[in-house]
Structure formats: structure tokens, C-alpha cells
Amino acid sequence: MNQISKYSKFIPYLYYLTIIAYWFTDINKSEGVSAYPILLFGIPFLWQLIKPNKKLNFGLGITFVCLSSYMILAYLSDLFHIVTISNASKQFALYGGLTVAANFFMALWIMRNSMKKTF
């Protein structure tokens, strides 16, 4: 149990690295070489795994809480039909909702990690 609590603080960073890797492979299939700049988004999360920094952690947390809040507003506008979208986008809405919720939860987890005394 002690091992789980010791390594649980790294779960949000691994989550975002997994999302970035998936995003890269999906774009790389269709776009090719132009997908490689996406990998640059993984550098801060990889840095937090290798050498944790409290200021970087707080910056990542604030940034992704804001982005996730914006995604929640976009998802709610889609859910309440405020903006008209295509059927293909509506089919993606369930997975989008799960991703929006997971992103917000992981961003709050990063903020929680930065508020702790030790990292």
C-alpha cells in the first residue's frame, strides 16, 4: 500500500503523456512528419516525472484547469445544442465527455500535488 501512495502522484503526468502519445499517433497516420511538434507538449510532463519542480507543477495545473474548464463549457454548449454541429461530432460526444471529465480531474490532481508541502 505504501508503494501505491508513493507513486500515485505521477498518475496525472502519465495520463497526459498517454493522451499526447495517442494524439501524435493519430495525427501521424494522416499527416506524417507534421505531427512531430505535438511531441513537444510532452516535455513538461516528462520533466515532472524525471525531476519534479513545484513551480512547473503549479503552472501546469493552472494551465490545464483553465483549458479543461473551457473544454467543459464547449462540451456543455454541445450538449444543450447552443451551437449546431455535424452528426460525426455528435457521435464523438460521449468519448469527448469522458475525456473532458478526465482532463479536469487530472488537472485538479496536479494542482493538489503542487499544494502539498513535499513533492
Protein backbone atom coordinates (compact mmCIF):
# COMPACT_ATOMS: atom_id res chain seq x y z
CA MET A 1 0.00 0.00 0.00
CA ASN A 2 2.90 2.32 0.73
CA GLN A 3 4.26 1.82 -2.82
CA ILE A 4 0.90 2.80 -4.34
CA SER A 5 0.70 6.04 -2.37
CA LYS A 6 4.33 6.78 -3.21
CA TYR A 7 3.81 6.56 -6.98
CA SER A 8 0.20 7.75 -7.22
CA LYS A 9 1.33 11.37 -7.56
CA PHE A 10 2.71 10.55 -11.03
CA ILE A 11 -0.61 9.31 -12.46
CA PRO A 12 -1.73 12.70 -13.92
CA TYR A 13 1.56 13.14 -15.78
CA LEU A 14 1.39 9.63 -17.19
CA TYR A 15 -2.21 10.32 -18.22
CA TYR A 16 -1.26 13.46 -20.16
CA LEU A 17 1.75 11.70 -21.72
CA THR A 18 -0.58 8.92 -22.86
CA ILE A 19 -3.02 11.44 -24.36
CA ILE A 20 -0.15 13.19 -26.17
CA ALA A 21 1.18 9.87 -27.50
CA TYR A 22 -2.28 8.90 -28.75
CA TRP A 23 -2.78 12.32 -30.33
CA PHE A 24 0.62 12.04 -32.03
CA THR A 25 -0.01 8.56 -33.43
CA ASP A 26 -3.47 9.51 -34.67
CA ILE A 27 -2.24 12.66 -36.45
CA ASN A 28 0.90 10.91 -37.68
CA LYS A 29 -1.19 8.34 -39.59
CA SER A 30 -2.81 11.02 -41.70
CA GLU A 31 -0.41 13.96 -41.67
CA GLY A 32 3.01 12.32 -41.45
CA VAL A 33 6.01 14.39 -40.42
CA SER A 34 3.96 17.46 -39.48
CA ALA A 35 2.74 15.62 -36.36
CA TYR A 36 6.14 15.67 -34.64
CA PRO A 37 5.72 19.10 -33.00
CA ILE A 38 2.92 17.52 -30.93
CA LEU A 39 5.60 15.61 -29.04
CA LEU A 40 6.91 18.92 -27.68
CA PHE A 41 3.78 19.15 -25.50
CA GLY A 42 5.03 16.09 -23.59
CA ILE A 43 8.30 17.67 -22.46
CA PRO A 44 6.94 19.40 -19.31
CA PHE A 45 5.14 16.24 -18.18
CA LEU A 46 8.20 14.11 -18.82
CA TRP A 47 10.29 16.65 -16.90
CA GLN A 48 7.93 16.36 -13.94
CA LEU A 49 8.45 12.60 -13.91
CA ILE A 50 12.24 12.85 -14.08
CA LYS A 51 12.93 15.90 -11.90
CA PRO A 52 9.82 17.33 -10.21
CA ASN A 53 9.63 21.09 -9.94
CA LYS A 54 6.97 22.72 -7.77
CA LYS A 55 6.68 25.91 -9.89
CA LEU A 56 6.35 23.97 -13.15
CA ASN A 57 3.80 21.73 -11.46
CA PHE A 58 1.72 24.71 -10.36
CA GLY A 59 1.94 26.25 -13.84
CA LEU A 60 0.84 23.01 -15.49
CA GLY A 61 -2.00 22.67 -13.01
CA ILE A 62 -3.34 26.20 -13.56
CA THR A 63 -2.98 25.91 -17.34
CA PHE A 64 -4.80 22.62 -17.60
CA VAL A 65 -7.54 23.61 -15.15
CA CYS A 66 -8.24 26.63 -17.37
CA LEU A 67 -8.13 24.55 -20.57
CA SER A 68 -10.30 21.87 -19.01
CA SER A 69 -12.82 24.46 -17.85
CA TYR A 70 -13.00 25.80 -21.39
CA MET A 71 -13.49 22.24 -22.66
CA ILE A 72 -16.32 21.73 -20.16
CA LEU A 73 -18.05 24.88 -21.43
CA ALA A 74 -17.63 23.70 -25.03
CA TYR A 75 -18.98 20.27 -24.14
CA LEU A 76 -21.98 21.76 -22.32
CA SER A 77 -22.75 24.04 -25.27
CA ASP A 78 -22.72 20.96 -27.47
CA LEU A 79 -24.87 19.04 -25.01
CA PHE A 80 -27.50 21.79 -24.81
CA HIS A 81 -27.40 22.40 -28.60
CA ILE A 82 -26.30 26.00 -28.25
CA VAL A 83 -24.09 25.56 -31.31
CA THR A 84 -25.12 23.39 -34.27
CA ILE A 85 -22.60 20.68 -35.10
CA SER A 86 -22.41 17.77 -37.53
CA ASN A 87 -23.51 14.21 -36.82
CA ALA A 88 -19.92 12.97 -36.79
CA SER A 89 -19.19 15.36 -33.95
CA LYS A 90 -22.25 14.18 -32.05
CA GLN A 91 -21.05 10.57 -32.23
CA PHE A 92 -17.80 11.66 -30.69
CA ALA A 93 -19.60 13.45 -27.85
CA LEU A 94 -19.64 10.51 -25.42
CA TYR A 95 -15.90 9.95 -25.66
CA GLY A 96 -15.37 13.69 -25.57
CA GLY A 97 -17.36 13.95 -22.35
CA LEU A 98 -15.30 11.25 -20.70
CA THR A 99 -12.10 12.92 -21.86
CA VAL A 100 -13.27 16.33 -20.63
CA ALA A 101 -14.07 14.92 -17.20
CA ALA A 102 -10.78 13.01 -17.02
CA ASN A 103 -8.76 16.07 -18.09
CA PHE A 104 -10.39 18.23 -15.44
CA PHE A 105 -9.87 15.60 -12.75
CA MET A 106 -6.20 15.12 -13.68
CA ALA A 107 -5.62 18.89 -13.75
CA LEU A 108 -7.09 19.17 -10.26
CA TRP A 109 -4.85 16.29 -9.17
CA ILE A 110 -1.81 18.19 -10.48
CA MET A 111 -2.97 21.25 -8.52
CA ARG A 112 -3.36 19.09 -5.41
CA ASN A 113 0.19 17.80 -5.88
CA SER A 114 1.53 21.36 -6.12
CA MET A 115 -0.30 22.42 -2.95
CA LYS A 116 1.31 19.67 -0.86
CA LYS A 117 4.36 20.51 1.19
CA THR A 118 6.54 17.78 -0.31
CA PHE A 119 6.62 16.63 -3.88
